Amino acid sequence: MKNRNEVRTFNEFWPLYLQAHSSRASRAFHLGGLALSAAAAMWMLAHGLIFFIVLAAVPALLGAALGHRMSPRSIKVIDEAPAWAALADLKMFGLALTGRLGREMKSVDRPSLPSRPAWSL
């Protein structure tokens, strides 16, 4: 796996992001904050409070901050690539909603195996 300083694409960033969110508590706070933010944004839009829509991001930010405090392996991936971190939050939320997040987490925890044995030519 690449060093955090060598990450150049979202596909290289994604495994680091998942490792930073390996704790169930971290993921729960992230996903809860995102759900509350989405609900707040929809409520504000439904009531015509467009000028306050920026405040809808507060639960997601608080959830992320609390989640990172609870995770022992948390790394500062947001500081290095905030746009990718926001996109990764949404991807993680979508995977959790569709029930595929567990498989994705397992694929990152296990090192990838070589396609053929080292002794074959």
C-alpha atoms as a PDB file:
ATOM      1  CA  MET A   1       0.000   0.000   0.000  1.00  0.00           C
ATOM      2  CA  LYS A   2       1.168   3.493  -0.727  1.00  0.00           C
ATOM      3  CA  ASN A   3       2.394   5.974   1.823  1.00  0.00           C
ATOM      4  CA  ARG A   4      -0.120   8.737   2.565  1.00  0.00           C
ATOM      5  CA  ASN A   5       2.209  11.277   0.964  1.00  0.00           C
ATOM      6  CA  GLU A   6       2.283   9.291  -2.309  1.00  0.00           C
ATOM      7  CA  VAL A   7      -1.517   9.170  -2.806  1.00  0.00           C
ATOM      8  CA  ARG A   8      -2.488  10.777  -6.101  1.00  0.00           C
ATOM      9  CA  THR A   9      -5.937   9.348  -6.903  1.00  0.00           C
ATOM     10  CA  PHE A  10      -9.159   8.625  -5.054  1.00  0.00           C
ATOM     11  CA  ASN A  11      -8.681   4.882  -5.660  1.00  0.00           C
ATOM     12  CA  GLU A  12      -5.366   5.078  -3.786  1.00  0.00           C
ATOM     13  CA  PHE A  13      -6.960   7.209  -1.053  1.00  0.00           C
ATOM     14  CA  TRP A  14      -9.974   4.921  -0.452  1.00  0.00           C
ATOM     15  CA  PRO A  15      -8.093   2.055   1.345  1.00  0.00           C
ATOM     16  CA  LEU A  16      -6.381   4.574   3.641  1.00  0.00           C
ATOM     17  CA  TYR A  17      -9.742   6.150   4.396  1.00  0.00           C
ATOM     18  CA  LEU A  18     -11.269   2.763   5.249  1.00  0.00           C
ATOM     19  CA  GLN A  19      -8.331   1.896   7.500  1.00  0.00           C
ATOM     20  CA  ALA A  20      -8.802   5.210   9.311  1.00  0.00           C
ATOM     21  CA  HIS A  21     -12.435   4.226   9.865  1.00  0.00           C
ATOM     22  CA  SER A  22     -11.845   0.629  10.912  1.00  0.00           C
ATOM     23  CA  SER A  23     -13.475   1.225  14.299  1.00  0.00           C
ATOM     24  CA  ARG A  24     -17.229   0.548  14.409  1.00  0.00           C
ATOM     25  CA  ALA A  25     -17.662   3.554  16.701  1.00  0.00           C
ATOM     26  CA  SER A  26     -15.920   5.817  14.196  1.00  0.00           C
ATOM     27  CA  ARG A  27     -18.122   4.592  11.360  1.00  0.00           C
ATOM     28  CA  ALA A  28     -21.265   4.865  13.489  1.00  0.00           C
ATOM     29  CA  PHE A  29     -20.565   8.492  14.374  1.00  0.00           C
ATOM     30  CA  HIS A  30     -19.713   9.322  10.756  1.00  0.00           C
ATOM     31  CA  LEU A  31     -22.807   7.654   9.355  1.00  0.00           C
ATOM     32  CA  GLY A  32     -25.080   9.065  12.057  1.00  0.00           C
ATOM     33  CA  GLY A  33     -23.774  12.564  11.472  1.00  0.00           C
ATOM     34  CA  LEU A  34     -24.246  12.231   7.719  1.00  0.00           C
ATOM     35  CA  ALA A  35     -27.812  10.975   8.168  1.00  0.00           C
ATOM     36  CA  LEU A  36     -28.646  13.880  10.479  1.00  0.00           C
ATOM     37  CA  SER A  37     -27.059  16.342   8.057  1.00  0.00           C
ATOM     38  CA  ALA A  38     -29.060  14.951   5.146  1.00  0.00           C
ATOM     39  CA  ALA A  39     -32.281  15.159   7.180  1.00  0.00           C
ATOM     40  CA  ALA A  40     -31.476  18.729   8.275  1.00  0.00           C
ATOM     41  CA  ALA A  41     -30.719  19.774   4.689  1.00  0.00           C
ATOM     42  CA  MET A  42     -33.987  18.310   3.433  1.00  0.00           C
ATOM     43  CA  TRP A  43     -35.936  19.967   6.247  1.00  0.00           C
ATOM     44  CA  MET A  44     -34.310  23.351   5.553  1.00  0.00           C
ATOM     45  CA  LEU A  45     -35.005  23.056   1.826  1.00  0.00           C
ATOM     46  CA  ALA A  46     -38.617  22.035   2.482  1.00  0.00           C
ATOM     47  CA  HIS A  47     -39.113  25.080   4.706  1.00  0.00           C
ATOM     48  CA  GLY A  48     -37.340  27.523   2.391  1.00  0.00           C
ATOM     49  CA  LEU A  49     -34.387  28.121   4.708  1.00  0.00           C
ATOM     50  CA  ILE A  50     -31.859  28.118   1.895  1.00  0.00           C
ATOM     51  CA  PHE A  51     -29.655  30.731   3.557  1.00  0.00           C
ATOM     52  CA  PHE A  52     -29.099  28.384   6.499  1.00  0.00           C
ATOM     53  CA  ILE A  53     -28.364  25.250   4.454  1.00  0.00           C
ATOM     54  CA  VAL A  54     -24.664  25.473   5.339  1.00  0.00           C
ATOM     55  CA  LEU A  55     -25.624  24.699   8.949  1.00  0.00           C
ATOM     56  CA  ALA A  56     -26.841  21.283   7.811  1.00  0.00           C
ATOM     57  CA  ALA A  57     -23.187  20.193   7.623  1.00  0.00           C
ATOM     58  CA  VAL A  58     -22.690  20.656  11.387  1.00  0.00           C
ATOM     59  CA  PRO A  59     -23.956  17.176  12.452  1.00  0.00           C
ATOM     60  CA  ALA A  60     -21.697  15.494   9.872  1.00  0.00           C
ATOM     61  CA  LEU A  61     -18.677  17.472  11.060  1.00  0.00           C
ATOM     62  CA  LEU A  62     -19.428  16.745  14.720  1.00  0.00           C
ATOM     63  CA  GLY A  63     -19.969  13.061  13.969  1.00  0.00           C
ATOM     64  CA  ALA A  64     -16.650  12.903  12.155  1.00  0.00           C
ATOM     65  CA  ALA A  65     -14.808  14.705  14.955  1.00  0.00           C
ATOM     66  CA  LEU A  66     -16.275  12.421  17.632  1.00  0.00           C
ATOM     67  CA  GLY A  67     -15.718   9.328  15.529  1.00  0.00           C
ATOM     68  CA  HIS A  68     -12.066  10.115  15.005  1.00  0.00           C
ATOM     69  CA  ARG A  69     -11.565  10.664  18.723  1.00  0.00           C
ATOM     70  CA  MET A  70     -12.962   7.192  19.419  1.00  0.00           C
ATOM     71  CA  SER A  71     -10.849   5.373  16.836  1.00  0.00           C
ATOM     72  CA  PRO A  72      -7.394   4.278  17.991  1.00  0.00           C
ATOM     73  CA  ARG A  73      -6.107   3.833  14.402  1.00  0.00           C
ATOM     74  CA  SER A  74      -7.538   7.074  13.092  1.00  0.00           C
ATOM     75  CA  ILE A  75      -5.225   9.050  10.848  1.00  0.00           C
ATOM     76  CA  LYS A  76      -5.654  12.585   9.625  1.00  0.00           C
ATOM     77  CA  VAL A  77      -6.779  11.756   6.100  1.00  0.00           C
ATOM     78  CA  ILE A  78      -9.122  14.744   6.018  1.00  0.00           C
ATOM     79  CA  ASP A  79      -6.251  17.197   6.460  1.00  0.00           C
ATOM     80  CA  GLU A  80      -4.409  15.778   3.462  1.00  0.00           C
ATOM     81  CA  ALA A  81      -7.319  15.537   1.016  1.00  0.00           C
ATOM     82  CA  PRO A  82     -10.531  17.150   2.298  1.00  0.00           C
ATOM     83  CA  ALA A  83     -12.409  16.797  -1.013  1.00  0.00           C
ATOM     84  CA  TRP A  84     -11.579  13.095  -1.266  1.00  0.00           C
ATOM     85  CA  ALA A  85     -12.522  12.635   2.403  1.00  0.00           C
ATOM     86  CA  ALA A  86     -15.950  14.192   1.760  1.00  0.00           C
ATOM     87  CA  LEU A  87     -16.433  11.965  -1.286  1.00  0.00           C
ATOM     88  CA  ALA A  88     -15.273   8.939   0.711  1.00  0.00           C
ATOM     89  CA  ASP A  89     -17.781   9.805   3.475  1.00  0.00           C
ATOM     90  CA  LEU A  90     -20.577   9.699   0.914  1.00  0.00           C
ATOM     91  CA  LYS A  91     -19.266   6.467  -0.604  1.00  0.00           C
ATOM     92  CA  MET A  92     -19.044   4.853   2.843  1.00  0.00           C
ATOM     93  CA  PHE A  93     -22.599   6.030   3.606  1.00  0.00           C
ATOM     94  CA  GLY A  94     -23.887   4.542   0.342  1.00  0.00           C
ATOM     95  CA  LEU A  95     -22.107   1.245   0.961  1.00  0.00           C
ATOM     96  CA  ALA A  96     -23.536   1.096   4.484  1.00  0.00           C
ATOM     97  CA  LEU A  97     -27.069   1.755   3.211  1.00  0.00           C
ATOM     98  CA  THR A  98     -26.785  -1.012   0.627  1.00  0.00           C
ATOM     99  CA  GLY A  99     -25.180  -3.485   3.044  1.00  0.00           C
ATOM    100  CA  ARG A 100     -21.868  -3.699   1.183  1.00  0.00           C
ATOM    101  CA  LEU A 101     -19.649  -1.825   3.645  1.00  0.00           C
ATOM    102  CA  GLY A 102     -18.675  -4.969   5.568  1.00  0.00           C
ATOM    103  CA  ARG A 103     -17.317  -6.627   2.434  1.00  0.00           C
ATOM    104  CA  GLU A 104     -15.436  -3.462   1.511  1.00  0.00           C
ATOM    105  CA  MET A 105     -13.878  -3.259   4.980  1.00  0.00           C
ATOM    106  CA  LYS A 106     -12.774  -6.916   4.793  1.00  0.00           C
ATOM    107  CA  SER A 107     -11.149  -6.379   1.401  1.00  0.00           C
ATOM    108  CA  VAL A 108      -8.953  -3.639   2.867  1.00  0.00           C
ATOM    109  CA  ASP A 109      -8.048  -5.516   6.056  1.00  0.00           C
ATOM    110  CA  ARG A 110      -6.655  -8.478   4.144  1.00  0.00           C
ATOM    111  CA  PRO A 111      -3.517  -7.959   2.099  1.00  0.00           C
ATOM    112  CA  SER A 112      -4.079  -8.799  -1.528  1.00  0.00           C
ATOM    113  CA  LEU A 113      -2.692 -12.140  -2.627  1.00  0.00           C
ATOM    114  CA  PRO A 114      -0.445 -12.423  -5.660  1.00  0.00           C
ATOM    115  CA  SER A 115      -2.160 -13.684  -8.785  1.00  0.00           C
ATOM    116  CA  ARG A 116       0.296 -16.586  -9.087  1.00  0.00           C
ATOM    117  CA  PRO A 117       2.712 -18.292  -6.704  1.00  0.00           C
ATOM    118  CA  ALA A 118       6.134 -16.703  -6.397  1.00  0.00           C
ATOM    119  CA  TRP A 119       7.863 -19.925  -7.506  1.00  0.00           C
ATOM    120  CA  SER A 120       6.095 -20.140 -10.889  1.00  0.00           C
ATOM    121  CA  LEU A 121       7.785 -18.732 -13.963  1.00  0.00           C
END
